[in-house]
Protein backbone atom coordinates (compact mmCIF):
# COMPACT_ATOMS: atom_id res chain seq x y z
CA MET A 1 8.18 -85.52 127.85
CA ALA A 2 7.86 -87.74 130.86
CA LYS A 3 9.63 -85.69 133.13
CA LYS A 4 7.21 -82.75 132.30
CA ASN A 5 4.13 -84.96 133.01
CA ILE A 6 3.55 -83.23 136.38
CA LEU A 7 0.86 -80.75 137.57
CA LEU A 8 2.22 -77.17 137.69
CA GLY A 9 1.09 -76.67 141.40
CA ASP A 10 2.67 -79.94 142.57
CA PHE A 11 5.93 -78.95 140.68
CA LEU A 12 6.00 -75.50 142.24
CA VAL A 13 5.55 -77.06 145.85
CA GLU A 14 8.23 -79.59 145.05
CA GLN A 15 10.74 -77.07 144.21
CA GLY A 16 9.81 -74.96 147.34
CA LEU A 17 8.53 -72.00 145.39
CA ILE A 18 5.06 -72.13 147.11
CA THR A 19 3.63 -73.90 150.05
CA GLU A 20 0.84 -76.51 150.19
CA GLU A 21 -1.47 -73.86 151.72
CA GLN A 22 -0.79 -71.30 149.03
CA LEU A 23 -1.54 -73.90 146.32
CA LYS A 24 -4.71 -74.80 147.97
CA LYS A 25 -5.72 -70.84 148.12
CA ALA A 26 -4.70 -70.41 144.60
CA LEU A 27 -6.80 -73.49 143.20
CA ALA A 28 -9.76 -72.04 145.08
CA TYR A 29 -9.12 -68.71 143.56
CA GLN A 30 -8.56 -70.36 140.04
CA GLN A 31 -11.86 -71.96 140.16
CA LYS A 32 -13.68 -68.91 141.25
CA ALA A 33 -11.94 -66.44 138.88
CA GLY A 34 -11.71 -69.09 135.94
CA LYS A 35 -8.06 -68.23 135.23
CA LEU A 36 -4.98 -70.42 134.84
CA LEU A 37 -3.13 -71.59 137.85
CA GLY A 38 0.01 -69.67 137.26
CA ARG A 39 -1.87 -66.43 136.62
CA SER A 40 -3.78 -67.17 139.96
CA LEU A 41 -0.58 -67.64 141.90
CA ILE A 42 0.84 -64.28 140.47
CA GLU A 43 -2.27 -62.26 141.18
CA LEU A 44 -2.36 -63.60 144.72
CA GLY A 45 1.31 -62.48 145.21
CA PHE A 46 2.54 -66.02 146.06
CA ILE A 47 4.99 -65.99 143.26
CA GLY A 48 6.33 -63.42 140.65
CA GLU A 49 5.63 -63.93 136.90
CA GLU A 50 9.56 -63.85 136.30
CA GLU A 51 10.22 -66.17 139.07
CA LEU A 52 7.65 -68.60 137.67
CA ILE A 53 8.97 -68.47 134.05
CA LYS A 54 12.31 -68.91 135.26
CA ALA A 55 11.61 -71.92 137.48
CA LEU A 56 9.80 -73.70 134.59
CA SER A 57 12.59 -72.98 132.14
CA GLU A 58 15.45 -73.90 134.25
CA GLN A 59 14.12 -76.77 136.15
CA LEU A 60 12.32 -78.47 133.10
CA GLY A 61 14.86 -77.58 130.44
CA VAL A 62 12.20 -75.62 128.56
CA GLN A 63 13.51 -72.67 126.60
CA TYR A 64 12.19 -69.22 127.55
CA VAL A 65 11.04 -67.01 124.46
CA SER A 66 9.89 -63.30 124.56
CA LEU A 67 7.29 -62.30 121.95
CA LYS A 68 7.80 -58.60 122.56
CA ASN A 69 9.63 -58.04 119.21
CA TYR A 70 8.75 -61.63 117.61
CA ARG A 71 7.25 -61.92 114.21
CA ILE A 72 5.35 -65.08 113.69
CA ASP A 73 4.44 -66.19 110.13
CA PRO A 74 0.69 -65.81 109.62
CA GLU A 75 0.77 -69.30 107.73
CA VAL A 76 1.96 -70.84 111.11
CA VAL A 77 -0.80 -69.25 112.96
CA LYS A 78 -3.25 -70.79 110.68
CA LEU A 79 -2.09 -74.40 111.93
CA VAL A 80 -3.81 -73.88 115.29
CA PRO A 81 -7.40 -73.04 115.66
CA GLU A 82 -8.13 -69.79 117.56
CA GLU A 83 -10.40 -71.57 119.96
CA LEU A 84 -7.75 -73.99 120.95
CA ALA A 85 -5.03 -71.08 121.25
CA ARG A 86 -7.30 -69.07 123.60
CA ASN A 87 -8.47 -72.06 125.76
CA TYR A 88 -4.93 -73.24 126.30
CA ARG A 89 -3.11 -69.92 126.21
CA LEU A 90 -0.62 -70.82 123.61
CA ILE A 91 0.55 -69.59 120.14
CA PRO A 92 2.56 -71.30 117.49
CA LEU A 93 6.05 -69.97 116.65
CA PHE A 94 7.45 -71.94 113.85
CA ALA A 95 7.21 -75.32 112.26
CA ILE A 96 10.29 -77.47 111.04
CA GLU A 97 9.24 -80.37 109.18
CA LYS A 98 6.81 -82.30 111.37
CA THR A 99 7.71 -80.37 114.55
CA LEU A 100 5.66 -77.43 115.79
CA THR A 101 7.43 -75.26 118.38
CA VAL A 102 4.54 -73.55 120.46
CA ALA A 103 4.97 -70.75 123.18
CA MET A 104 2.89 -71.76 126.31
CA ALA A 105 2.08 -70.19 129.46
CA ASN A 106 2.11 -73.59 131.14
CA PRO A 107 4.55 -76.01 129.21
CA LEU A 108 3.42 -78.77 131.83
CA ASP A 109 -0.09 -78.81 130.31
CA VAL A 110 -0.12 -82.22 128.84
CA VAL A 111 -3.66 -81.89 127.89
CA ALA A 112 -3.01 -78.96 125.79
CA ILE A 113 0.02 -80.60 124.21
CA ASP A 114 -1.95 -83.66 123.30
CA ALA A 115 -4.83 -81.57 121.95
CA LEU A 116 -2.65 -79.67 119.87
CA SER A 117 -0.61 -82.70 118.48
CA ARG A 118 -3.96 -84.35 117.47
CA THR A 119 -5.28 -81.14 115.87
CA THR A 120 -2.22 -80.41 113.90
CA GLY A 121 -0.76 -84.05 113.30
CA MET A 122 2.64 -82.76 114.43
CA LYS A 123 5.01 -83.26 117.30
CA VAL A 124 4.61 -80.38 119.61
CA GLU A 125 7.74 -78.74 121.14
CA PRO A 126 6.78 -76.31 124.06
CA VAL A 127 8.72 -73.25 125.04
CA VAL A 128 7.61 -71.02 128.05
CA CYS A 129 6.41 -67.51 127.63
CA SER A 130 4.62 -64.97 129.93
CA GLU A 131 0.79 -65.26 129.64
CA GLN A 132 0.34 -61.56 129.03
CA GLU A 133 2.51 -61.69 125.90
CA ILE A 134 0.70 -64.93 124.71
CA SER A 135 -2.57 -63.09 124.96
CA ASP A 136 -1.33 -60.05 123.19
CA ALA A 137 -0.11 -62.25 120.14
CA ILE A 138 -3.34 -64.18 120.04
CA ASP A 139 -5.27 -60.90 119.84
CA HIS A 140 -2.92 -59.42 117.28
CA TYR A 141 -2.65 -62.46 114.99
CA TYR A 142 -6.21 -64.05 115.17
CA GLY A 143 -8.01 -60.84 115.30
CA SER A 144 -6.50 -59.44 111.98
CA ASP A 145 -6.95 -62.93 110.41
CA ARG A 146 -10.78 -63.19 111.27
CA LEU A 147 -11.28 -59.58 109.94
CA ARG A 148 -9.70 -60.38 106.76
CA GLU A 149 -11.51 -63.47 106.18
CA ALA A 150 -14.86 -61.67 107.00
CA ILE A 151 -13.99 -58.89 104.38
CA LYS A 152 -13.12 -61.67 101.78
CA GLU A 153 -16.77 -63.11 102.41
CA LEU A 154 -18.32 -59.74 102.05
CA LYS A 155 -16.78 -58.87 98.71
CA ILE A 156 -18.61 -61.81 97.33
CA ALA A 157 -21.64 -61.03 99.13
CA THR A 158 -21.87 -57.16 97.88
CA PRO A 159 -20.19 -57.02 94.46
CA ASP A 160 -21.80 -53.68 93.60
CA GLY A 161 -21.11 -50.87 96.01
CA LYS A 162 -21.92 -47.98 93.50
CA GLU A 163 -23.31 -44.93 95.41
CA THR A 164 -26.57 -43.33 94.01
CA ASP A 165 -28.97 -41.09 95.89
CA GLN A 166 -31.88 -43.53 94.95
CA VAL A 167 -31.23 -46.60 96.71
CA ASP A 168 -34.10 -49.00 97.60
CA ASP A 169 -34.70 -49.41 101.20
CA GLN A 170 -35.38 -53.04 101.01
CA VAL A 171 -32.21 -53.77 99.05
CA LEU A 172 -30.21 -51.99 101.68
CA ARG A 173 -31.92 -53.76 104.53
CA ARG A 174 -31.37 -57.21 102.78
CA GLN A 175 -27.67 -56.41 102.42
CA ALA A 176 -27.23 -55.24 105.85
CA GLU A 177 -28.87 -58.50 107.25
CA GLU A 178 -26.70 -61.14 105.35
CA GLY A 179 -24.26 -63.16 107.39
CA PRO A 180 -20.98 -61.86 106.24
CA ILE A 181 -21.87 -58.37 106.97
CA ILE A 182 -23.17 -59.18 110.40
CA ARG A 183 -20.03 -60.94 111.13
CA LEU A 184 -17.86 -58.15 109.93
CA VAL A 185 -19.64 -55.45 111.92
CA ASN A 186 -19.49 -57.79 115.11
CA LEU A 187 -15.76 -58.29 114.62
CA ILE A 188 -15.03 -54.61 114.14
CA LEU A 189 -17.01 -53.91 117.35
CA GLU A 190 -15.41 -56.67 119.42
CA GLN A 191 -11.85 -55.78 118.51
CA ALA A 192 -12.37 -52.21 119.25
CA VAL A 193 -13.57 -52.96 122.80
CA GLN A 194 -10.65 -55.63 123.28
CA ASP A 195 -8.14 -53.02 122.15
CA GLY A 196 -9.40 -50.46 124.46
CA ALA A 197 -10.75 -47.90 121.71
CA SER A 198 -12.77 -45.08 122.70
CA ASP A 199 -14.04 -44.31 119.15
CA ILE A 200 -14.50 -46.22 115.79
CA HIS A 201 -14.44 -44.22 112.66
CA VAL A 202 -15.81 -45.82 109.39
CA GLU A 203 -14.80 -43.52 106.56
CA PRO A 204 -15.68 -43.89 102.83
CA MET A 205 -12.74 -42.92 100.54
CA GLU A 206 -12.86 -42.48 96.73
CA ASP A 207 -11.79 -46.30 96.14
CA ARG A 208 -12.00 -47.97 99.62
CA VAL A 209 -13.49 -47.83 102.95
CA ARG A 210 -11.31 -47.22 106.10
CA VAL A 211 -11.79 -48.15 109.57
CA ARG A 212 -9.80 -46.54 112.30
CA TYR A 213 -9.92 -46.92 116.09
CA ARG A 214 -9.01 -44.07 118.50
CA ILE A 215 -6.83 -45.79 121.08
CA ASP A 216 -5.37 -43.89 123.88
CA GLY A 217 -6.35 -40.56 122.24
CA VAL A 218 -4.63 -41.14 118.89
CA LEU A 219 -6.50 -42.49 115.73
CA GLN A 220 -5.00 -45.73 114.09
CA GLU A 221 -5.95 -47.15 110.91
CA VAL A 222 -6.85 -50.94 111.50
CA HIS A 223 -8.74 -52.11 108.38
CA THR A 224 -9.37 -51.24 104.78
CA ALA A 225 -11.94 -52.87 102.66
CA HIS A 226 -13.16 -52.57 99.04
CA LYS A 227 -15.53 -49.80 98.15
CA ALA A 228 -18.18 -52.53 97.37
CA ILE A 229 -18.98 -53.26 100.92
CA GLN A 230 -19.55 -49.54 101.86
CA LEU A 231 -23.44 -49.43 101.73
CA ALA A 232 -23.96 -52.63 103.38
CA LEU A 233 -21.38 -51.73 106.09
CA THR A 234 -23.02 -48.35 106.92
CA SER A 235 -26.52 -49.75 106.68
CA ARG A 236 -25.67 -52.39 109.21
CA LEU A 237 -24.55 -49.89 111.73
CA LYS A 238 -27.43 -47.70 111.11
CA ILE A 239 -30.05 -50.68 111.63
CA LEU A 240 -28.28 -51.39 114.92
CA ALA A 241 -28.63 -47.67 115.93
CA ASP A 242 -32.30 -47.66 114.79
CA LEU A 243 -31.70 -45.01 112.08
CA ASN A 244 -33.19 -44.53 108.77
CA ILE A 245 -31.08 -46.53 106.34
CA ALA A 246 -32.66 -45.03 103.45
CA GLU A 247 -31.72 -41.29 104.44
CA ARG A 248 -28.18 -40.60 103.37
CA ARG A 249 -28.34 -36.77 102.73
CA LEU A 250 -28.74 -35.63 106.38
CA PRO A 251 -26.69 -36.26 109.62
CA GLN A 252 -28.27 -39.00 112.01
CA ASP A 253 -27.71 -39.74 115.70
CA GLY A 254 -28.48 -42.87 117.55
CA ARG A 255 -27.19 -45.65 119.95
CA PHE A 256 -27.34 -49.19 120.72
CA ARG A 257 -26.10 -51.72 123.35
CA MET A 258 -24.23 -55.03 122.79
CA HIS A 259 -23.05 -57.53 125.47
CA LEU A 260 -19.34 -58.16 124.84
CA TYR A 261 -16.74 -59.86 127.20
CA ASN A 262 -19.27 -60.29 129.92
CA ARG A 263 -20.25 -56.76 130.15
CA ASP A 264 -22.85 -54.28 128.51
CA VAL A 265 -21.24 -51.86 126.08
CA ASP A 266 -23.03 -48.84 124.72
CA PHE A 267 -22.07 -47.44 121.29
CA ARG A 268 -23.28 -43.98 120.44
CA VAL A 269 -23.68 -43.49 116.59
CA SER A 270 -23.24 -40.49 114.54
CA THR A 271 -23.50 -40.35 110.64
CA LEU A 272 -22.29 -37.40 108.37
CA PRO A 273 -22.84 -37.26 104.60
CA THR A 274 -19.26 -36.67 102.80
CA ALA A 275 -18.29 -36.42 99.16
CA PHE A 276 -17.62 -40.22 99.02
CA GLY A 277 -20.57 -41.31 101.14
CA GLU A 278 -21.79 -41.50 104.74
CA LYS A 279 -18.94 -41.46 107.45
CA VAL A 280 -19.91 -43.30 110.64
CA VAL A 281 -18.42 -42.57 114.04
CA LEU A 282 -19.08 -44.66 116.96
CA ARG A 283 -18.21 -43.59 120.59
CA ILE A 284 -17.69 -46.53 122.86
CA LEU A 285 -19.35 -46.02 126.20
CA ASP A 286 -17.96 -49.06 128.19
CA LYS A 287 -19.98 -49.29 131.46
CA LYS A 288 -17.09 -50.72 133.46
CA LYS A 289 -16.39 -49.90 137.10
CA THR A 290 -15.67 -46.34 137.78
CA ILE A 291 -12.18 -45.53 139.16
CA ARG A 292 -11.45 -43.46 142.33
CA LEU A 293 -9.54 -40.34 142.80
CA GLU A 294 -6.47 -41.82 143.83
CA GLU A 295 -6.31 -43.88 140.73
CA LEU A 296 -6.51 -40.90 138.36
CA GLY A 297 -2.81 -39.72 138.41
CA LEU A 298 -3.00 -36.89 140.99
CA ASP A 299 0.04 -36.58 143.16
CA GLU A 300 -0.40 -36.36 146.89
CA ARG A 301 -0.66 -32.54 146.88
CA GLU A 302 -3.13 -32.22 144.06
CA LEU A 303 -5.20 -35.10 145.53
CA ALA A 304 -5.45 -33.29 149.02
CA ILE A 305 -6.46 -29.92 147.33
CA LEU A 306 -9.19 -31.59 145.19
CA ARG A 307 -10.59 -33.47 148.26
CA SER A 308 -10.64 -30.31 150.19
CA LEU A 309 -12.75 -28.72 147.46
CA LEU A 310 -15.12 -31.57 147.55
CA LYS A 311 -15.57 -31.33 151.19
CA ARG A 312 -17.02 -27.67 150.84
CA PRO A 313 -20.83 -27.58 151.46
CA HIS A 314 -21.85 -25.46 148.55
CA GLY A 315 -20.29 -23.59 145.60
CA MET A 316 -19.33 -24.65 142.01
CA ILE A 317 -16.47 -26.98 140.99
CA LEU A 318 -15.62 -27.09 137.35
CA VAL A 319 -13.52 -29.53 135.31
CA THR A 320 -12.17 -28.21 132.03
CA GLY A 321 -10.37 -29.70 128.98
CA PRO A 322 -11.18 -30.60 125.40
CA THR A 323 -13.35 -33.50 124.19
CA GLY A 324 -11.88 -36.76 125.16
CA SER A 325 -9.61 -35.41 128.00
CA GLY A 326 -11.21 -37.61 130.80
CA LYS A 327 -13.43 -34.88 132.29
CA THR A 328 -16.39 -37.26 132.78
CA THR A 329 -14.22 -39.76 134.50
CA THR A 330 -12.89 -37.24 136.95
CA LEU A 331 -16.46 -36.18 137.84
CA TYR A 332 -17.44 -39.69 138.42
CA ALA A 333 -14.48 -40.35 140.65
CA ALA A 334 -15.46 -37.06 142.74
CA LEU A 335 -19.00 -38.57 143.09
CA MET A 336 -17.53 -41.76 144.19
CA GLU A 337 -15.73 -39.87 146.82
CA LEU A 338 -18.76 -38.06 148.18
CA ASP A 339 -21.17 -39.44 150.92
CA ARG A 340 -23.84 -41.08 149.00
CA THR A 341 -25.54 -42.42 152.01
CA SER A 342 -26.72 -39.27 153.85
CA LYS A 343 -26.46 -36.90 150.81
CA ASN A 344 -29.01 -36.59 147.99
CA ILE A 345 -26.85 -36.76 144.86
CA VAL A 346 -28.53 -36.08 141.47
CA THR A 347 -26.79 -35.94 138.00
CA LEU A 348 -27.97 -34.76 134.58
CA GLU A 349 -25.74 -36.23 131.82
CA ASP A 350 -25.64 -36.66 128.12
CA PRO A 351 -25.31 -39.63 127.96
CA ILE A 352 -25.17 -41.58 131.34
CA GLU A 353 -21.60 -43.34 130.98
CA TYR A 354 -21.42 -45.22 134.20
CA GLN A 355 -23.93 -46.42 136.58
CA LEU A 356 -23.45 -45.20 140.13
CA GLU A 357 -24.87 -46.93 143.25
CA GLY A 358 -26.69 -44.39 145.45
CA VAL A 359 -26.82 -41.75 142.96
CA SER A 360 -29.93 -40.48 140.91
CA GLN A 361 -28.89 -40.30 137.34
CA SER A 362 -31.04 -38.49 134.50
CA GLN A 363 -30.11 -38.05 130.88
CA VAL A 364 -30.94 -35.09 128.79
CA ASN A 365 -33.22 -35.56 125.81
CA PRO A 366 -33.51 -32.41 123.71
CA LYS A 367 -35.95 -34.02 121.34
CA ILE A 368 -38.66 -33.83 123.99
CA GLY A 369 -37.46 -30.60 125.56
CA LEU A 370 -35.27 -32.25 128.39
CA THR A 371 -32.14 -29.99 127.86
CA PHE A 372 -29.72 -29.26 130.64
CA ALA A 373 -31.31 -26.00 131.62
CA ALA A 374 -34.78 -27.55 131.89
CA GLY A 375 -33.57 -30.80 133.62
CA LEU A 376 -31.56 -28.71 136.20
CA ARG A 377 -34.53 -26.70 137.12
CA SER A 378 -36.39 -29.98 137.78
CA ILE A 379 -33.47 -31.38 139.79
CA LEU A 380 -33.37 -28.31 142.04
CA ARG A 381 -36.98 -29.20 142.98
CA GLN A 382 -35.71 -32.67 144.17
CA ASP A 383 -34.16 -31.38 147.20
CA PRO A 384 -30.64 -32.26 146.24
CA ASP A 385 -27.41 -31.80 148.26
CA ILE A 386 -24.97 -32.43 145.52
CA VAL A 387 -25.69 -31.85 141.67
CA MET A 388 -23.60 -32.96 138.82
CA VAL A 389 -24.23 -31.42 135.41
CA GLY A 390 -22.54 -33.05 132.55
CA GLU A 391 -21.66 -29.93 130.63
CA ILE A 392 -22.46 -26.05 130.73
CA ARG A 393 -23.20 -25.27 127.20
CA ASP A 394 -25.08 -22.09 127.35
CA LEU A 395 -25.95 -19.02 129.28
CA GLU A 396 -29.20 -20.41 130.65
CA THR A 397 -27.58 -23.59 132.05
CA ALA A 398 -24.62 -21.46 133.42
CA GLN A 399 -27.08 -19.09 135.17
CA ILE A 400 -29.02 -21.87 136.84
CA SER A 401 -25.81 -23.64 137.77
CA VAL A 402 -24.61 -20.40 139.54
CA GLN A 403 -27.77 -19.83 141.29
CA ALA A 404 -27.84 -23.52 142.59
CA ALA A 405 -24.14 -23.05 143.76
CA LEU A 406 -25.19 -19.71 145.66
CA THR A 407 -28.27 -21.54 147.34
CA GLY A 408 -26.50 -24.30 149.34
CA HIS A 409 -25.82 -26.86 146.60
CA LEU A 410 -22.45 -28.28 145.73
CA LEU A 411 -22.36 -28.30 141.98
CA LEU A 412 -20.02 -30.15 139.73
CA SER A 413 -19.86 -29.57 136.07
CA THR A 414 -17.60 -29.42 132.95
CA LEU A 415 -16.56 -26.63 130.32
CA HIS A 416 -14.54 -26.75 127.23
CA THR A 417 -11.48 -24.52 127.86
CA ASN A 418 -7.75 -25.06 127.33
CA ASP A 419 -6.84 -24.31 130.92
CA ALA A 420 -8.22 -23.60 134.37
CA PRO A 421 -8.12 -19.72 134.42
CA SER A 422 -9.98 -19.61 131.05
CA ALA A 423 -12.95 -21.36 132.67
CA LEU A 424 -13.56 -18.00 134.68
CA THR A 425 -13.35 -15.88 131.68
CA ARG A 426 -15.46 -18.22 129.59
CA LEU A 427 -18.47 -17.89 131.93
CA ILE A 428 -17.97 -13.97 131.75
CA ASP A 429 -18.06 -14.42 127.85
CA MET A 430 -21.23 -16.42 128.10
CA GLY A 431 -22.92 -13.55 129.90
CA VAL A 432 -22.77 -14.54 133.64
CA GLU A 433 -22.22 -11.52 135.83
CA PRO A 434 -18.55 -11.41 137.39
CA TYR A 435 -19.93 -10.87 140.82
CA LEU A 436 -21.89 -14.23 140.57
CA ILE A 437 -18.86 -16.03 139.32
CA ALA A 438 -16.72 -14.68 142.03
CA SER A 439 -19.27 -15.74 144.82
CA SER A 440 -20.16 -19.16 143.38
CA VAL A 441 -16.95 -20.88 141.98
CA GLN A 442 -14.80 -22.50 144.61
CA GLY A 443 -12.23 -24.21 142.17
CA VAL A 444 -11.38 -25.14 138.69
CA VAL A 445 -9.57 -28.19 137.56
CA ALA A 446 -8.08 -28.44 134.00
CA GLN A 447 -6.87 -31.90 132.82
CA ARG A 448 -5.35 -33.81 129.92
CA LEU A 449 -4.60 -37.45 129.27
CA LEU A 450 -1.16 -38.59 128.37
CA ARG A 451 -0.25 -41.92 126.99
CA ARG A 452 1.66 -44.09 129.27
CA VAL A 453 4.92 -45.87 128.19
CA CYS A 454 4.28 -49.54 127.43
CA PRO A 455 5.70 -51.49 130.52
CA ASN A 456 6.59 -54.52 128.52
CA CYS A 457 8.90 -52.59 126.11
CA ALA A 458 10.07 -49.56 128.09
CA GLU A 459 13.69 -48.88 128.05
CA PRO A 460 15.87 -45.95 129.56
CA TRP A 461 16.32 -42.89 127.46
CA VAL A 462 18.80 -40.00 128.18
CA PRO A 463 17.47 -36.73 126.83
CA PRO A 464 20.10 -34.16 125.42
CA ARG A 465 21.58 -32.04 128.07
CA GLU A 466 20.36 -28.81 126.29
CA LEU A 467 16.62 -30.04 126.22
CA LEU A 468 16.83 -30.60 129.89
CA GLU A 469 18.20 -27.08 130.58
CA THR A 470 15.48 -25.66 128.44
CA LEU A 471 12.86 -27.42 130.52
CA GLY A 472 14.46 -26.42 133.91
CA LEU A 473 15.13 -29.94 134.66
CA PRO A 474 18.54 -31.04 136.34
CA PRO A 475 20.81 -32.84 133.95
CA GLU A 476 21.56 -35.41 136.72
CA GLY A 477 19.31 -36.54 139.46
CA ASP A 478 16.36 -38.91 140.19
CA THR A 479 14.91 -38.51 136.72
CA GLN A 480 14.10 -41.76 134.96
CA PHE A 481 13.15 -40.92 131.36
CA VAL A 482 12.10 -43.84 129.31
CA ARG A 483 10.69 -44.59 125.99
CA GLY A 484 8.75 -47.55 124.48
CA LYS A 485 10.56 -49.62 121.91
CA GLY A 486 7.52 -51.21 120.62
CA CYS A 487 6.08 -54.68 121.01
CA LEU A 488 2.81 -56.76 120.30
CA GLY A 489 1.32 -55.65 123.51
CA CYS A 490 1.26 -52.10 122.54
CA LYS A 491 0.83 -52.68 118.65
CA MET A 492 4.46 -51.55 118.33
CA LEU A 493 3.54 -47.90 119.42
CA GLY A 494 5.56 -47.81 122.70
CA TYR A 495 2.57 -46.64 124.55
CA LYS A 496 -0.21 -48.61 126.44
CA GLY A 497 -2.99 -46.88 128.57
CA ARG A 498 -3.21 -43.29 129.55
CA ILE A 499 -2.86 -41.12 132.79
CA ALA A 500 -4.21 -37.85 133.60
CA ILE A 501 -2.36 -34.55 134.26
CA TYR A 502 -3.96 -31.87 136.33
CA GLU A 503 -3.95 -28.04 137.01
CA ILE A 504 -5.98 -27.05 139.87
CA LEU A 505 -6.95 -23.38 140.53
CA VAL A 506 -8.39 -22.60 143.92
CA MET A 507 -10.25 -19.49 144.28
CA ASP A 508 -9.36 -16.96 146.87
CA ASP A 509 -9.90 -13.25 147.62
CA ASP A 510 -7.16 -12.05 145.26
CA LEU A 511 -8.41 -14.18 142.30
CA ARG A 512 -12.02 -13.25 142.99
CA GLU A 513 -10.87 -9.45 142.77
CA LEU A 514 -9.38 -10.24 139.31
CA VAL A 515 -12.76 -11.67 138.20
CA LEU A 516 -14.68 -8.82 139.64
CA ARG A 517 -12.80 -6.38 137.31
CA ARG A 518 -12.95 -8.76 134.17
CA ALA A 519 -9.29 -9.40 134.19
CA ALA A 520 -7.87 -11.37 131.15
CA SER A 521 -7.24 -15.02 131.78
CA THR A 522 -3.54 -14.38 131.29
CA GLU A 523 -3.57 -12.15 134.33
CA ILE A 524 -5.53 -14.67 136.28
CA ARG A 525 -3.25 -17.34 135.32
CA ALA A 526 -0.13 -15.54 136.24
CA LEU A 527 -1.44 -14.65 139.81
CA ALA A 528 -2.61 -18.38 140.42
CA ILE A 529 0.91 -19.62 139.34
CA ARG A 530 2.44 -17.18 141.87
CA LYS A 531 0.12 -18.63 144.56
CA GLY A 532 1.22 -22.14 143.91
CA MET A 533 -0.85 -23.49 141.04
CA ARG A 534 1.20 -26.21 139.10
CA THR A 535 0.51 -26.00 135.34
CA LEU A 536 -0.44 -28.75 132.90
CA ARG A 537 3.09 -28.59 131.36
CA ASP A 538 4.82 -28.79 134.82
CA SER A 539 2.40 -31.77 135.80
CA GLY A 540 3.38 -33.62 132.53
CA LEU A 541 7.14 -33.03 133.00
CA GLN A 542 6.77 -34.70 136.34
CA LYS A 543 5.27 -37.56 134.91
CA ALA A 544 7.93 -37.88 132.36
CA ALA A 545 10.64 -37.45 134.84
CA GLU A 546 9.11 -40.50 136.83
CA GLY A 547 9.22 -42.56 133.75
CA ILE A 548 5.50 -42.63 133.44
CA THR A 549 5.27 -41.12 129.96
CA THR A 550 7.67 -39.58 127.38
CA LEU A 551 8.66 -35.84 126.89
CA GLU A 552 7.33 -36.13 123.37
CA GLU A 553 3.94 -36.92 124.85
CA VAL A 554 3.93 -34.12 126.95
CA PHE A 555 4.72 -31.59 124.29
CA ARG A 556 2.05 -32.93 122.06
CA VAL A 557 -0.61 -32.66 124.59
CA THR A 558 0.26 -29.59 126.58
CA GLN A 559 0.87 -26.00 125.42
CA LEU A 560 3.73 -23.84 126.37
CA ASP A 561 2.92 -21.93 129.60
């Protein structure tokens, strides 16, 4: 180990991979960001991750290991405490007699090696691995282990989970405030946020309780537990959301906030009585920084069209799509694009998902009469230039929104329709007069979210020639179809993260004429396509051809045009 007893920065300078000046900047960045030196050098662009790993492997004689498809024995993972693994960015791979082989982001870290040797009582043999793969492995193995241990404790704490309609309030509260149930709920919430879930489903089954996360738009089962913990688990969640834990016959709604991973995360809670007990669904509202229009997935042409719509002084711009399609994110990105210094921008939302500097944000509260319609009336007395209404749900809100758009305001809102042309006919079906729609609506943006192919395990894929011909794509050309093989980083799914696809309809005189005579959405759609509107399906196929997503994902999310 003597030849490895050298600081990483000094070694890289010695090898001529970075300069002394770059090392100084990286050390300053490391101290400020609290990250490892190797990661700091990579993020500053001074060295590539592959270049760093290759240098460490070749020059130090340390083997390189990829964890993308590596399976680690859970018994080996138990040899190393989670805190030590996270602090030093390492994970044990296997043990042979008294030698423990460990994947490390920095195999030069003698402090980590010594600490690990003292803790395990074994000789440590390091191999080098990318920091991201190690982080994914730590989350995968230690997260599951912690939850299993918490569930084991809880089985002892709540031996009787029999459901009855008469359960003493104090008994439920006492069960929900015991240490094991608090620990279990906290772990479920923490892992959901860490995995990037948008929703948590706690579902009572006949003989067990199932916990599922919605990650990248798809539900995944992550935990199952004995039926005995059901009452304590649901009661704990209801206490956090300030709900009535004794009332299990009626649906209830609430919310709470937790500070996780150095940021505030809101959870919106909904309960629903079912045949086997109360089902609880939590929507995760992560108040992270909003993204900008250019980060949404729009191509240059679509971005230019949307920006031209936002520059209009008045009128209505609608964003449509099903629940969970990213409409609110698009609206926030649009607000970030607008002038928040000289314009009075006011929003009415349910709920407020992100805090925007320079924007007056208000939340509806139907319990006290603050509906979208009532709130919108008040907003129009606040001298606004731009108004964002979270959703047009009824005729009254639609009529006020149209009037606002016709009286010099730029109004942004959402509707639940399958495509852009259907938004126009939806307003007519609500009862809004066609001449008001034709005069007020400037454009409609329909969108969906597609799962991205995991960059860690992406591999080329050549579709059958017949499939390409059916889709109207050239059998040969610049297309780069890929598929994800599956790795720890993507939970073996082949997908990680999402990207939006768009269909933008810009109103003109011909389209307004169709609205005035109450034409069907299919007729409006056909004319819009002839005028250059690119459909959701075409937008998705373009993303697949660029290697961003897969054809299967496009077919899953979009309907045939």
